[in-house]
Structure formats: C-alpha cells, structure tokens
Amino acid sequence: MTAYAELSTREAYGKFLVELGQEYKDIVVLDADLSRSTMTKYFAEKFPERFFQCGLEEQNMMSIAAGLAATGKIPFVSTFAVFAACRCFDQVRVCIAQPKLNVKIVATHGGITVGEDGASHHAIEDLALYCSLPGFNVVVPADAIETVEAVRVAAATEGPFYIRLGRPKFPPVYTEGYRFNLGKAVTMRDGKDATIIACGIMVSKALEAANVLASQGIDCRVLNMPTLKPLDEPAIIAAATQTGAIVVAEEHLLHGGLGSLVALVVAREKPVPMGFIGIKDVYTKSGKPDELLQKNGLTAGAIEQAVKVLGIRRRG
C-alpha cells in the first residue's frame, strides 16, 4: 500500500482508487470535468476503459451512475461537494436513493476550506441533504488514513454512500494500521467531565481543545464520529451518561448535520447540556481557509469555550 498519511484526503482517495480498481474489476469511475481536482485522474490514467468523463453535467452523471449500478458495476462518482449535493439532489434522490443502488459518491472540496472559491463553492448544506435520504451511508473522514479506510469499506459494502472530503490537507489524527468500522465512533481520548464529538477537519481541533482543557483540570472525552449515517447512538448515549455534557463540532451549518443528529439522540435518550460549534445561519465569504475557519468560529479555542459555557463541574 502507498503511504497516505501525508496526503490530503482527496489525494489519498485518488491514489487509493487505483489500488481498489486493481482488486475490484467492476469498479467504474465517473467525473464531471474535475478529475485533476478530485484526483480521479490517477484512475483515468490507469484504467481509461473504466473511466467516464461526463463533463459539467452532474445531474446526468448521477443518472448514468445509477444505470451502471443497475447492471452490476460499482460506480465511484466524484465532483465538488457543493455540486454533488445541491445541483443534482433530485437525480440522487430518485435514481439512486429510492432504488438503493450501489453507487459511491465521493465528493471533494467540502465545507468552507475550499477558501477563495467563495460561497458558491462552499458546501455547507451537503450533510443535511444526504443525511435526509433514507438508506444512504454518510461518512466524513478525519484525515487521509481514515479516507482510505472509508473508501475501502464503501467498495465492499452494498448500497449508496456519500463520502465528504476536503480540499486542503487535514492534520493527521491516525497512523497506518487504523481500521474504519462503518457506523462506529472512535474514542480518540477518554475523559469524564464532558465529551466533544467531532467529524472531519474538526477532529484535530477537538483534540487540541481537549489538551488545553486538560491543562486547566477539565478532563474531556473526544469522539471522532466519521459515520453520520448510520449513527453510533450507543456511543452518544454512553457519552451523555458518563460525562454529563456534550459539545459537537463540525464544518457545516449548525442545523441538519452532525449536531442535529446527536441532539436528537441526546434529547430522546439522555438529556444533558449541549453546545454546538458550526456555521451559523449565514452564507460564508471568500477567503483563505484558516481565515474562514476563524471568522466562523470553527477553532479549537471556540470548542474550549463551548465546553466551559456548559458549566462543567470538575470531578476528582
């Protein structure tokens, strides 16, 4: 296997897709004239007969993928997340979700870390849209290692997937040897005073915040929740029961994403104080990724403050 830890999530996806294509002869790849950005160019170079360049026609691309899946192929479909979710939602809903076809949508450039491309290219509603589709598996890897593992599991698992990747490199949180389990949270750090639940790029920031809080005597559990659907409800209930407070952090609108899903479980099973780190009810501006994260409060410092606001009682 190629060393992936130092790659961006989209680079890891593109390179691993070539390895996967050698193992699975039924894998075909579709792209919307963005293969140099989504990194499916590597697959196109290795397997040109199994690569379909669909042009700027994401809606048609999803319908083509559905047709290929219906014939027994395993389509991997890639474009920017904002197009994969918003532009072709009806085609995905009717052609892929309702017949539960075996299509893997791997969307790059998710969230606001697309940066200077601006609000039109910032995918901040995509998780809400895909989590609303019955039967869809929705995954947000935290780094390149988890990306490779999630793509491997998607190829081996029957049914539709939406995997959201980023444009820049995410700080690595795993080492080679990590194994992704669909629908399972990962305890990155144990703790008894509160739990921070995060996905994607916010996992590294949650760990950073937990380290600062630990130096101040607040012992936080950190859960990486890479699978939004199916959600690891037992891990959430255990966190609420054992730590008594939960903060959720995500690179997405506050409503409709991970925070909403976790809150539903907490409210139903074990109500505890909660805090939410995400993009408020606004469209974002153009800027450098770090500037946008800071402006929208997606920082380790904001997570730290959210934990403190919950009035955590320090336990000896």
C-alpha atoms as a PDB file:
ATOM      1  CA  MET A   1       0.000   0.000   0.000  1.00  0.00           C
ATOM      2  CA  THR A   2       1.135   3.544  -0.725  1.00  0.00           C
ATOM      3  CA  ALA A   3       1.899   5.736   2.289  1.00  0.00           C
ATOM      4  CA  TYR A   4      -1.128   8.008   2.625  1.00  0.00           C
ATOM      5  CA  ALA A   5      -0.702   9.802   5.957  1.00  0.00           C
ATOM      6  CA  GLU A   6       0.961  12.873   4.474  1.00  0.00           C
ATOM      7  CA  LEU A   7      -1.597  13.382   1.688  1.00  0.00           C
ATOM      8  CA  SER A   8      -4.762  15.454   1.560  1.00  0.00           C
ATOM      9  CA  THR A   9      -7.957  13.427   1.770  1.00  0.00           C
ATOM     10  CA  ARG A  10      -8.698  13.926  -1.951  1.00  0.00           C
ATOM     11  CA  GLU A  11      -5.170  12.892  -2.939  1.00  0.00           C
ATOM     12  CA  ALA A  12      -5.411   9.790  -0.763  1.00  0.00           C
ATOM     13  CA  TYR A  13      -8.755   8.955  -2.381  1.00  0.00           C
ATOM     14  CA  GLY A  14      -7.416   9.326  -5.919  1.00  0.00           C
ATOM     15  CA  LYS A  15      -4.343   7.216  -5.350  1.00  0.00           C
ATOM     16  CA  PHE A  16      -6.160   4.513  -3.380  1.00  0.00           C
ATOM     17  CA  LEU A  17      -8.851   4.281  -6.041  1.00  0.00           C
ATOM     18  CA  VAL A  18      -6.207   2.891  -8.390  1.00  0.00           C
ATOM     19  CA  GLU A  19      -5.332   0.148  -5.881  1.00  0.00           C
ATOM     20  CA  LEU A  20      -9.020  -0.566  -5.409  1.00  0.00           C
ATOM     21  CA  GLY A  21      -9.565  -0.726  -9.168  1.00  0.00           C
ATOM     22  CA  GLN A  22      -6.995  -3.492  -9.454  1.00  0.00           C
ATOM     23  CA  GLU A  23      -8.837  -5.503  -6.793  1.00  0.00           C
ATOM     24  CA  TYR A  24     -12.403  -4.828  -7.972  1.00  0.00           C
ATOM     25  CA  LYS A  25     -12.779  -5.285 -11.726  1.00  0.00           C
ATOM     26  CA  ASP A  26     -16.382  -3.989 -11.587  1.00  0.00           C
ATOM     27  CA  ILE A  27     -15.388  -0.548 -10.292  1.00  0.00           C
ATOM     28  CA  VAL A  28     -16.005   2.246 -12.789  1.00  0.00           C
ATOM     29  CA  VAL A  29     -15.313   5.922 -12.140  1.00  0.00           C
ATOM     30  CA  LEU A  30     -17.336   8.936 -13.279  1.00  0.00           C
ATOM     31  CA  ASP A  31     -16.205  12.546 -13.053  1.00  0.00           C
ATOM     32  CA  ALA A  32     -17.596  15.946 -14.070  1.00  0.00           C
ATOM     33  CA  ASP A  33     -14.567  17.507 -15.767  1.00  0.00           C
ATOM     34  CA  LEU A  34     -12.847  17.990 -12.419  1.00  0.00           C
ATOM     35  CA  SER A  35     -10.613  14.913 -12.335  1.00  0.00           C
ATOM     36  CA  ARG A  36      -7.461  16.993 -11.779  1.00  0.00           C
ATOM     37  CA  SER A  37      -9.085  18.406  -8.636  1.00  0.00           C
ATOM     38  CA  THR A  38     -10.972  15.344  -7.414  1.00  0.00           C
ATOM     39  CA  MET A  39      -7.865  13.232  -8.171  1.00  0.00           C
ATOM     40  CA  THR A  40      -9.738  10.619 -10.178  1.00  0.00           C
ATOM     41  CA  LYS A  41      -7.160  11.453 -12.873  1.00  0.00           C
ATOM     42  CA  TYR A  42      -4.997   8.644 -11.488  1.00  0.00           C
ATOM     43  CA  PHE A  43      -7.739   6.098 -12.161  1.00  0.00           C
ATOM     44  CA  ALA A  44      -8.324   7.568 -15.630  1.00  0.00           C
ATOM     45  CA  GLU A  45      -4.644   7.125 -16.486  1.00  0.00           C
ATOM     46  CA  LYS A  46      -4.547   3.519 -15.243  1.00  0.00           C
ATOM     47  CA  PHE A  47      -7.972   2.337 -16.414  1.00  0.00           C
ATOM     48  CA  PRO A  48      -9.144   4.589 -19.279  1.00  0.00           C
ATOM     49  CA  GLU A  49     -11.685   1.967 -20.399  1.00  0.00           C
ATOM     50  CA  ARG A  50     -13.384   2.155 -16.970  1.00  0.00           C
ATOM     51  CA  PHE A  51     -13.357   5.947 -16.633  1.00  0.00           C
ATOM     52  CA  PHE A  52     -16.242   8.133 -17.835  1.00  0.00           C
ATOM     53  CA  GLN A  53     -15.744  11.875 -18.255  1.00  0.00           C
ATOM     54  CA  CYS A  54     -19.277  13.274 -18.022  1.00  0.00           C
ATOM     55  CA  GLY A  55     -18.486  16.964 -18.437  1.00  0.00           C
ATOM     56  CA  LEU A  56     -20.223  19.706 -16.460  1.00  0.00           C
ATOM     57  CA  GLU A  57     -23.359  17.595 -16.133  1.00  0.00           C
ATOM     58  CA  GLU A  58     -23.522  16.342 -12.561  1.00  0.00           C
ATOM     59  CA  GLN A  59     -27.242  15.632 -12.840  1.00  0.00           C
ATOM     60  CA  ASN A  60     -26.730  13.353 -15.843  1.00  0.00           C
ATOM     61  CA  MET A  61     -23.641  11.833 -14.212  1.00  0.00           C
ATOM     62  CA  MET A  62     -25.724  10.637 -11.262  1.00  0.00           C
ATOM     63  CA  SER A  63     -28.287   9.097 -13.605  1.00  0.00           C
ATOM     64  CA  ILE A  64     -25.536   7.362 -15.609  1.00  0.00           C
ATOM     65  CA  ALA A  65     -24.059   6.017 -12.371  1.00  0.00           C
ATOM     66  CA  ALA A  66     -27.449   4.644 -11.385  1.00  0.00           C
ATOM     67  CA  GLY A  67     -27.706   2.842 -14.715  1.00  0.00           C
ATOM     68  CA  LEU A  68     -24.227   1.350 -14.368  1.00  0.00           C
ATOM     69  CA  ALA A  69     -25.014   0.186 -10.822  1.00  0.00           C
ATOM     70  CA  ALA A  70     -28.216  -1.450 -12.067  1.00  0.00           C
ATOM     71  CA  THR A  71     -26.102  -3.577 -14.431  1.00  0.00           C
ATOM     72  CA  GLY A  72     -23.809  -4.762 -11.616  1.00  0.00           C
ATOM     73  CA  LYS A  73     -20.998  -2.229 -11.817  1.00  0.00           C
ATOM     74  CA  ILE A  74     -19.673  -0.382  -8.753  1.00  0.00           C
ATOM     75  CA  PRO A  75     -19.666   3.296  -9.776  1.00  0.00           C
ATOM     76  CA  PHE A  76     -17.474   5.774  -7.879  1.00  0.00           C
ATOM     77  CA  VAL A  77     -18.770   9.243  -8.720  1.00  0.00           C
ATOM     78  CA  SER A  78     -16.776  12.366  -7.945  1.00  0.00           C
ATOM     79  CA  THR A  79     -17.229  16.118  -8.192  1.00  0.00           C
ATOM     80  CA  PHE A  80     -17.114  19.031  -5.759  1.00  0.00           C
ATOM     81  CA  ALA A  81     -19.370  18.527  -2.727  1.00  0.00           C
ATOM     82  CA  VAL A  82     -21.482  21.581  -3.480  1.00  0.00           C
ATOM     83  CA  PHE A  83     -22.398  20.145  -6.883  1.00  0.00           C
ATOM     84  CA  ALA A  84     -22.787  16.553  -5.669  1.00  0.00           C
ATOM     85  CA  ALA A  85     -25.339  17.678  -3.108  1.00  0.00           C
ATOM     86  CA  CYS A  86     -27.117  20.785  -4.333  1.00  0.00           C
ATOM     87  CA  ARG A  87     -27.061  20.606  -8.128  1.00  0.00           C
ATOM     88  CA  CYS A  88     -28.260  17.039  -8.564  1.00  0.00           C
ATOM     89  CA  PHE A  89     -30.216  16.254  -5.415  1.00  0.00           C
ATOM     90  CA  ASP A  90     -33.340  15.184  -7.295  1.00  0.00           C
ATOM     91  CA  GLN A  91     -31.409  12.744  -9.510  1.00  0.00           C
ATOM     92  CA  VAL A  92     -29.685  11.247  -6.462  1.00  0.00           C
ATOM     93  CA  ARG A  93     -32.957  11.002  -4.557  1.00  0.00           C
ATOM     94  CA  VAL A  94     -34.985   9.358  -7.314  1.00  0.00           C
ATOM     95  CA  CYS A  95     -32.376   7.373  -9.283  1.00  0.00           C
ATOM     96  CA  ILE A  96     -30.006   6.228  -6.505  1.00  0.00           C
ATOM     97  CA  ALA A  97     -31.557   6.552  -3.024  1.00  0.00           C
ATOM     98  CA  GLN A  98     -35.046   5.243  -3.722  1.00  0.00           C
ATOM     99  CA  PRO A  99     -33.882   2.039  -5.523  1.00  0.00           C
ATOM    100  CA  LYS A 100     -30.928   1.812  -3.044  1.00  0.00           C
ATOM    101  CA  LEU A 101     -28.395   1.347  -5.818  1.00  0.00           C
ATOM    102  CA  ASN A 102     -24.752   0.542  -5.177  1.00  0.00           C
ATOM    103  CA  VAL A 103     -23.335   3.981  -6.060  1.00  0.00           C
ATOM    104  CA  LYS A 104     -20.437   5.550  -4.148  1.00  0.00           C
ATOM    105  CA  ILE A 105     -20.468   9.354  -4.309  1.00  0.00           C
ATOM    106  CA  VAL A 106     -17.089  10.642  -3.129  1.00  0.00           C
ATOM    107  CA  ALA A 107     -17.309  14.437  -3.057  1.00  0.00           C
ATOM    108  CA  THR A 108     -14.226  16.616  -2.649  1.00  0.00           C
ATOM    109  CA  HIS A 109     -13.892  20.298  -1.672  1.00  0.00           C
ATOM    110  CA  GLY A 110     -16.430  20.009   1.149  1.00  0.00           C
ATOM    111  CA  GLY A 111     -17.061  22.737   3.700  1.00  0.00           C
ATOM    112  CA  ILE A 112     -15.607  26.240   3.731  1.00  0.00           C
ATOM    113  CA  THR A 113     -11.955  25.227   3.475  1.00  0.00           C
ATOM    114  CA  VAL A 114     -12.389  25.469  -0.292  1.00  0.00           C
ATOM    115  CA  GLY A 115     -11.379  29.013   0.631  1.00  0.00           C
ATOM    116  CA  GLU A 116     -11.129  31.661  -2.050  1.00  0.00           C
ATOM    117  CA  ASP A 117     -13.649  29.929  -4.336  1.00  0.00           C
ATOM    118  CA  GLY A 118     -16.320  31.684  -2.295  1.00  0.00           C
ATOM    119  CA  ALA A 119     -19.845  30.973  -1.100  1.00  0.00           C
ATOM    120  CA  SER A 120     -20.997  29.469  -4.408  1.00  0.00           C
ATOM    121  CA  HIS A 121     -18.441  26.651  -3.899  1.00  0.00           C
ATOM    122  CA  HIS A 122     -18.700  26.272  -0.121  1.00  0.00           C
ATOM    123  CA  ALA A 123     -20.623  23.066   0.590  1.00  0.00           C
ATOM    124  CA  ILE A 124     -22.230  23.796   3.945  1.00  0.00           C
ATOM    125  CA  GLU A 125     -25.617  22.103   3.393  1.00  0.00           C
ATOM    126  CA  ASP A 126     -24.449  18.811   1.862  1.00  0.00           C
ATOM    127  CA  LEU A 127     -24.546  16.698   5.020  1.00  0.00           C
ATOM    128  CA  ALA A 128     -28.090  17.847   5.820  1.00  0.00           C
ATOM    129  CA  LEU A 129     -29.219  16.876   2.319  1.00  0.00           C
ATOM    130  CA  TYR A 130     -27.563  13.448   2.219  1.00  0.00           C
ATOM    131  CA  CYS A 131     -28.499  12.584   5.811  1.00  0.00           C
ATOM    132  CA  SER A 132     -32.116  13.213   4.826  1.00  0.00           C
ATOM    133  CA  LEU A 133     -32.010  10.392   2.251  1.00  0.00           C
ATOM    134  CA  PRO A 134     -33.253   7.054   3.662  1.00  0.00           C
ATOM    135  CA  GLY A 135     -30.760   4.227   3.177  1.00  0.00           C
ATOM    136  CA  PHE A 136     -27.742   6.404   2.375  1.00  0.00           C
ATOM    137  CA  ASN A 137     -24.485   5.866   4.271  1.00  0.00           C
ATOM    138  CA  VAL A 138     -22.847   9.234   5.029  1.00  0.00           C
ATOM    139  CA  VAL A 139     -19.164   9.392   6.014  1.00  0.00           C
ATOM    140  CA  VAL A 140     -16.843  12.333   6.808  1.00  0.00           C
ATOM    141  CA  PRO A 141     -13.240  11.107   7.262  1.00  0.00           C
ATOM    142  CA  ALA A 142     -10.943  12.960   9.642  1.00  0.00           C
ATOM    143  CA  ASP A 143      -7.716  12.517   7.673  1.00  0.00           C
ATOM    144  CA  ALA A 144      -6.123  10.684   4.757  1.00  0.00           C
ATOM    145  CA  ILE A 145      -5.751   7.374   6.598  1.00  0.00           C
ATOM    146  CA  GLU A 146      -9.429   7.314   7.510  1.00  0.00           C
ATOM    147  CA  THR A 147     -10.318   8.304   3.945  1.00  0.00           C
ATOM    148  CA  VAL A 148      -8.580   5.241   2.527  1.00  0.00           C
ATOM    149  CA  GLU A 149     -10.281   3.011   5.071  1.00  0.00           C
ATOM    150  CA  ALA A 150     -13.727   4.513   4.437  1.00  0.00           C
ATOM    151  CA  VAL A 151     -13.375   4.117   0.673  1.00  0.00           C
ATOM    152  CA  ARG A 152     -12.257   0.523   1.143  1.00  0.00           C
ATOM    153  CA  VAL A 153     -15.333  -0.243   3.272  1.00  0.00           C
ATOM    154  CA  ALA A 154     -17.628   1.546   0.812  1.00  0.00           C
ATOM    155  CA  ALA A 155     -16.383  -0.608  -2.054  1.00  0.00           C
ATOM    156  CA  ALA A 156     -17.033  -3.773  -0.053  1.00  0.00           C
ATOM    157  CA  THR A 157     -20.462  -2.728   1.269  1.00  0.00           C
ATOM    158  CA  GLU A 158     -23.599  -2.940  -0.867  1.00  0.00           C
ATOM    159  CA  GLY A 159     -25.622   0.272  -1.005  1.00  0.00           C
ATOM    160  CA  PRO A 160     -25.296   4.016  -1.641  1.00  0.00           C
ATOM    161  CA  PHE A 161     -22.564   6.068   0.061  1.00  0.00           C
ATOM    162  CA  TYR A 162     -21.787   9.764   0.336  1.00  0.00           C
ATOM    163  CA  ILE A 163     -18.188  10.366   1.449  1.00  0.00           C
ATOM    164  CA  ARG A 164     -17.216  14.003   2.016  1.00  0.00           C
ATOM    165  CA  LEU A 165     -13.575  15.007   1.523  1.00  0.00           C
ATOM    166  CA  GLY A 166     -11.755  18.326   1.778  1.00  0.00           C
ATOM    167  CA  ARG A 167      -9.520  20.375  -0.477  1.00  0.00           C
ATOM    168  CA  PRO A 168      -6.522  21.105   1.787  1.00  0.00           C
ATOM    169  CA  LYS A 169      -4.619  18.557   3.770  1.00  0.00           C
ATOM    170  CA  PHE A 170      -6.172  17.786   7.152  1.00  0.00           C
ATOM    171  CA  PRO A 171      -3.868  17.413  10.169  1.00  0.00           C
ATOM    172  CA  PRO A 172      -3.382  13.628  10.579  1.00  0.00           C
ATOM    173  CA  VAL A 173      -5.047  12.038  13.600  1.00  0.00           C
ATOM    174  CA  TYR A 174      -4.379   8.399  12.722  1.00  0.00           C
ATOM    175  CA  THR A 175      -1.379   6.275  11.817  1.00  0.00           C
ATOM    176  CA  GLU A 176      -1.118   3.398   9.362  1.00  0.00           C
ATOM    177  CA  GLY A 177      -2.908   0.335  10.719  1.00  0.00           C
ATOM    178  CA  TYR A 178      -6.122   2.123  11.732  1.00  0.00           C
ATOM    179  CA  ARG A 179      -9.275   0.278  10.673  1.00  0.00           C
ATOM    180  CA  PHE A 180     -12.542   2.113   9.945  1.00  0.00           C
ATOM    181  CA  ASN A 181     -15.790   0.486  11.080  1.00  0.00           C
ATOM    182  CA  LEU A 182     -18.934   1.790   9.393  1.00  0.00           C
ATOM    183  CA  GLY A 183     -21.367   3.204  11.951  1.00  0.00           C
ATOM    184  CA  LYS A 184     -18.886   3.223  14.829  1.00  0.00           C
ATOM    185  CA  ALA A 185     -17.432   6.193  16.685  1.00  0.00           C
ATOM    186  CA  VAL A 186     -13.774   6.192  17.672  1.00  0.00           C
ATOM    187  CA  THR A 187     -12.676   7.261  21.154  1.00  0.00           C
ATOM    188  CA  MET A 188      -9.670   9.467  20.416  1.00  0.00           C
ATOM    189  CA  ARG A 189      -9.236  10.402  24.062  1.00  0.00           C
ATOM    190  CA  ASP A 190     -11.134   9.281  27.157  1.00  0.00           C
ATOM    191  CA  GLY A 191     -12.452  11.694  29.768  1.00  0.00           C
ATOM    192  CA  LYS A 192     -15.089  12.082  32.467  1.00  0.00           C
ATOM    193  CA  ASP A 193     -16.065  15.784  32.630  1.00  0.00           C
ATOM    194  CA  ALA A 194     -17.527  16.340  29.144  1.00  0.00           C
ATOM    195  CA  THR A 195     -17.470  14.868  25.626  1.00  0.00           C
ATOM    196  CA  ILE A 196     -16.500  16.603  22.403  1.00  0.00           C
ATOM    197  CA  ILE A 197     -17.965  14.862  19.342  1.00  0.00           C
ATOM    198  CA  ALA A 198     -16.480  15.916  16.001  1.00  0.00           C
ATOM    199  CA  CYS A 199     -16.072  14.849  12.394  1.00  0.00           C
ATOM    200  CA  GLY A 200     -13.765  15.734   9.540  1.00  0.00           C
ATOM    201  CA  ILE A 201     -11.302  18.568   9.984  1.00  0.00           C
ATOM    202  CA  MET A 202     -12.795  19.411  13.402  1.00  0.00           C
ATOM    203  CA  VAL A 203     -11.463  16.211  14.992  1.00  0.00           C
ATOM    204  CA  SER A 204      -7.916  17.559  15.200  1.00  0.00           C
ATOM    205  CA  LYS A 205      -9.251  20.818  16.632  1.00  0.00           C
ATOM    206  CA  ALA A 206     -11.279  18.880  19.229  1.00  0.00           C
ATOM    207  CA  LEU A 207      -8.125  17.066  20.327  1.00  0.00           C
ATOM    208  CA  GLU A 208      -6.279  20.379  20.537  1.00  0.00           C
ATOM    209  CA  ALA A 209      -9.054  21.859  22.676  1.00  0.00           C
ATOM    210  CA  ALA A 210      -9.122  18.801  24.954  1.00  0.00           C
ATOM    211  CA  ASN A 211      -5.393  19.139  25.576  1.00  0.00           C
ATOM    212  CA  VAL A 212      -5.799  22.781  26.613  1.00  0.00           C
ATOM    213  CA  LEU A 213      -8.767  21.941  28.836  1.00  0.00           C
ATOM    214  CA  ALA A 214      -6.801  19.119  30.458  1.00  0.00           C
ATOM    215  CA  SER A 215      -4.118  21.607  31.454  1.00  0.00           C
ATOM    216  CA  GLN A 216      -6.895  23.548  33.223  1.00  0.00           C
ATOM    217  CA  GLY A 217      -8.210  20.492  35.067  1.00  0.00           C
ATOM    218  CA  ILE A 218     -11.148  19.675  32.746  1.00  0.00           C
ATOM    219  CA  ASP A 219     -10.996  16.088  31.533  1.00  0.00           C
ATOM    220  CA  CYS A 220     -12.735  15.769  28.129  1.00  0.00           C
ATOM    221  CA  ARG A 221     -13.571  12.699  26.122  1.00  0.00           C
ATOM    222  CA  VAL A 222     -13.123  13.161  22.372  1.00  0.00           C
ATOM    223  CA  LEU A 223     -15.153  11.051  19.955  1.00  0.00           C
ATOM    224  CA  ASN A 224     -14.475  11.026  16.233  1.00  0.00           C
ATOM    225  CA  MET A 225     -17.860  10.374  14.590  1.00  0.00           C
ATOM    226  CA  PRO A 226     -16.866   9.620  10.979  1.00  0.00           C
ATOM    227  CA  THR A 227     -20.193   7.969  10.136  1.00  0.00           C
ATOM    228  CA  LEU A 228     -23.201  10.296  10.330  1.00  0.00           C
ATOM    229  CA  LYS A 229     -25.457   7.556   8.914  1.00  0.00           C
ATOM    230  CA  PRO A 230     -25.760   5.019  10.402  1.00  0.00           C
ATOM    231  CA  LEU A 231     -25.040   6.964  13.586  1.00  0.00           C
ATOM    232  CA  ASP A 232     -23.361   5.327  16.587  1.00  0.00           C
ATOM    233  CA  GLU A 233     -26.189   6.008  19.039  1.00  0.00           C
ATOM    234  CA  PRO A 234     -24.783   3.774  21.840  1.00  0.00           C
ATOM    235  CA  ALA A 235     -21.565   5.837  21.895  1.00  0.00           C
ATOM    236  CA  ILE A 236     -23.582   9.058  22.198  1.00  0.00           C
ATOM    237  CA  ILE A 237     -25.778   7.695  24.990  1.00  0.00           C
ATOM    238  CA  ALA A 238     -22.700   6.431  26.840  1.00  0.00           C
ATOM    239  CA  ALA A 239     -21.039   9.836  26.489  1.00  0.00           C
ATOM    240  CA  ALA A 240     -24.096  11.636  27.848  1.00  0.00           C
ATOM    241  CA  THR A 241     -24.466   9.191  30.720  1.00  0.00           C
ATOM    242  CA  GLN A 242     -20.817   9.031  31.721  1.00  0.00           C
ATOM    243  CA  THR A 243     -19.665  12.647  31.158  1.00  0.00           C
ATOM    244  CA  GLY A 244     -22.902  14.639  31.559  1.00  0.00           C
ATOM    245  CA  ALA A 245     -22.227  17.249  28.845  1.00  0.00           C
ATOM    246  CA  ILE A 246     -21.607  17.194  25.083  1.00  0.00           C
ATOM    247  CA  VAL A 247     -20.183  19.675  22.577  1.00  0.00           C
ATOM    248  CA  VAL A 248     -20.488  18.859  18.858  1.00  0.00           C
ATOM    249  CA  ALA A 249     -18.099  20.397  16.296  1.00  0.00           C
ATOM    250  CA  GLU A 250     -18.454  20.253  12.508  1.00  0.00           C
ATOM    251  CA  GLU A 251     -17.548  22.174   9.338  1.00  0.00           C
ATOM    252  CA  HIS A 252     -21.192  22.537   8.283  1.00  0.00           C
ATOM    253  CA  LEU A 253     -24.265  24.601   9.041  1.00  0.00           C
ATOM    254  CA  LEU A 254     -25.432  24.228  12.631  1.00  0.00           C
ATOM    255  CA  HIS A 255     -28.714  22.706  11.512  1.00  0.00           C
ATOM    256  CA  GLY A 256     -29.058  19.425   9.663  1.00  0.00           C
ATOM    257  CA  GLY A 257     -25.597  17.969  10.210  1.00  0.00           C
ATOM    258  CA  LEU A 258     -23.823  16.054  12.969  1.00  0.00           C
ATOM    259  CA  GLY A 259     -25.014  18.367  15.748  1.00  0.00           C
ATOM    260  CA  SER A 260     -28.653  17.890  14.833  1.00  0.00           C
ATOM    261  CA  LEU A 261     -28.255  14.116  14.665  1.00  0.00           C
ATOM    262  CA  VAL A 262     -26.516  13.916  18.049  1.00  0.00           C
ATOM    263  CA  ALA A 263     -29.048  16.270  19.661  1.00  0.00           C
ATOM    264  CA  LEU A 264     -31.913  14.049  18.512  1.00  0.00           C
ATOM    265  CA  VAL A 265     -30.383  11.066  20.302  1.00  0.00           C
ATOM    266  CA  VAL A 266     -29.494  13.040  23.447  1.00  0.00           C
ATOM    267  CA  ALA A 267     -32.954  14.609  23.720  1.00  0.00           C
ATOM    268  CA  ARG A 268     -34.648  11.235  23.321  1.00  0.00           C
ATOM    269  CA  GLU A 269     -32.369   9.023  25.424  1.00  0.00           C
ATOM    270  CA  LYS A 270     -30.372  11.057  27.945  1.00  0.00           C
ATOM    271  CA  PRO A 271     -30.891  14.846  28.040  1.00  0.00           C
ATOM    272  CA  VAL A 272     -27.733  16.683  29.124  1.00  0.00           C
ATOM    273  CA  PRO A 273     -26.340  20.199  28.498  1.00  0.00           C
ATOM    274  CA  MET A 274     -25.074  20.561  24.927  1.00  0.00           C
ATOM    275  CA  GLY A 275     -23.044  23.041  22.916  1.00  0.00           C
ATOM    276  CA  PHE A 276     -22.642  23.334  19.147  1.00  0.00           C
ATOM    277  CA  ILE A 277     -19.740  24.528  17.010  1.00  0.00           C
ATOM    278  CA  GLY A 278     -20.665  25.043  13.361  1.00  0.00           C
ATOM    279  CA  ILE A 279     -21.561  27.657  10.776  1.00  0.00           C
ATOM    280  CA  LYS A 280     -24.425  29.884  11.848  1.00  0.00           C
ATOM    281  CA  ASP A 281     -27.411  30.552   9.592  1.00  0.00           C
ATOM    282  CA  VAL A 282     -25.412  32.529   7.010  1.00  0.00           C
ATOM    283  CA  TYR A 283     -23.609  32.039   3.712  1.00  0.00           C
ATOM    284  CA  THR A 284     -19.873  32.456   4.014  1.00  0.00           C
ATOM    285  CA  LYS A 285     -17.444  34.783   2.225  1.00  0.00           C
ATOM    286  CA  SER A 286     -14.361  34.234   0.113  1.00  0.00           C
ATOM    287  CA  GLY A 287     -11.076  33.988   1.990  1.00  0.00           C
ATOM    288  CA  LYS A 288      -8.191  31.783   2.929  1.00  0.00           C
ATOM    289  CA  PRO A 289      -9.242  28.553   4.697  1.00  0.00           C
ATOM    290  CA  ASP A 290      -7.754  29.492   8.073  1.00  0.00           C
ATOM    291  CA  GLU A 291      -9.336  32.952   7.882  1.00  0.00           C
ATOM    292  CA  LEU A 292     -12.750  31.444   7.173  1.00  0.00           C
ATOM    293  CA  LEU A 293     -12.454  28.905   9.975  1.00  0.00           C
ATOM    294  CA  GLN A 294     -11.543  31.698  12.382  1.00  0.00           C
ATOM    295  CA  LYS A 295     -14.310  34.020  11.152  1.00  0.00           C
ATOM    296  CA  ASN A 296     -16.944  31.306  11.536  1.00  0.00           C
ATOM    297  CA  GLY A 297     -15.760  30.120  14.935  1.00  0.00           C
ATOM    298  CA  LEU A 298     -14.520  26.708  13.819  1.00  0.00           C
ATOM    299  CA  THR A 299     -11.474  26.694  16.064  1.00  0.00           C
ATOM    300  CA  ALA A 300     -10.039  24.804  18.996  1.00  0.00           C
ATOM    301  CA  GLY A 301     -10.490  27.926  21.101  1.00  0.00           C
ATOM    302  CA  ALA A 302     -14.203  28.052  20.301  1.00  0.00           C
ATOM    303  CA  ILE A 303     -14.594  24.396  21.292  1.00  0.00           C
ATOM    304  CA  GLU A 304     -12.751  25.090  24.538  1.00  0.00           C
ATOM    305  CA  GLN A 305     -15.081  27.976  25.355  1.00  0.00           C
ATOM    306  CA  ALA A 306     -18.172  25.944  24.444  1.00  0.00           C
ATOM    307  CA  VAL A 307     -17.163  23.273  26.947  1.00  0.00           C
ATOM    308  CA  LYS A 308     -16.660  25.884  29.663  1.00  0.00           C
ATOM    309  CA  VAL A 309     -20.033  27.514  28.955  1.00  0.00           C
ATOM    310  CA  LEU A 310     -21.737  24.257  29.840  1.00  0.00           C
ATOM    311  CA  GLY A 311     -20.632  24.793  33.432  1.00  0.00           C
ATOM    312  CA  ILE A 312     -18.612  21.653  33.726  1.00  0.00           C
ATOM    313  CA  ARG A 313     -18.086  20.561  37.295  1.00  0.00           C
ATOM    314  CA  ARG A 314     -14.594  19.285  37.830  1.00  0.00           C
ATOM    315  CA  ARG A 315     -14.625  15.799  39.271  1.00  0.00           C
ATOM    316  CA  GLY A 316     -11.808  14.479  41.420  1.00  0.00           C
END
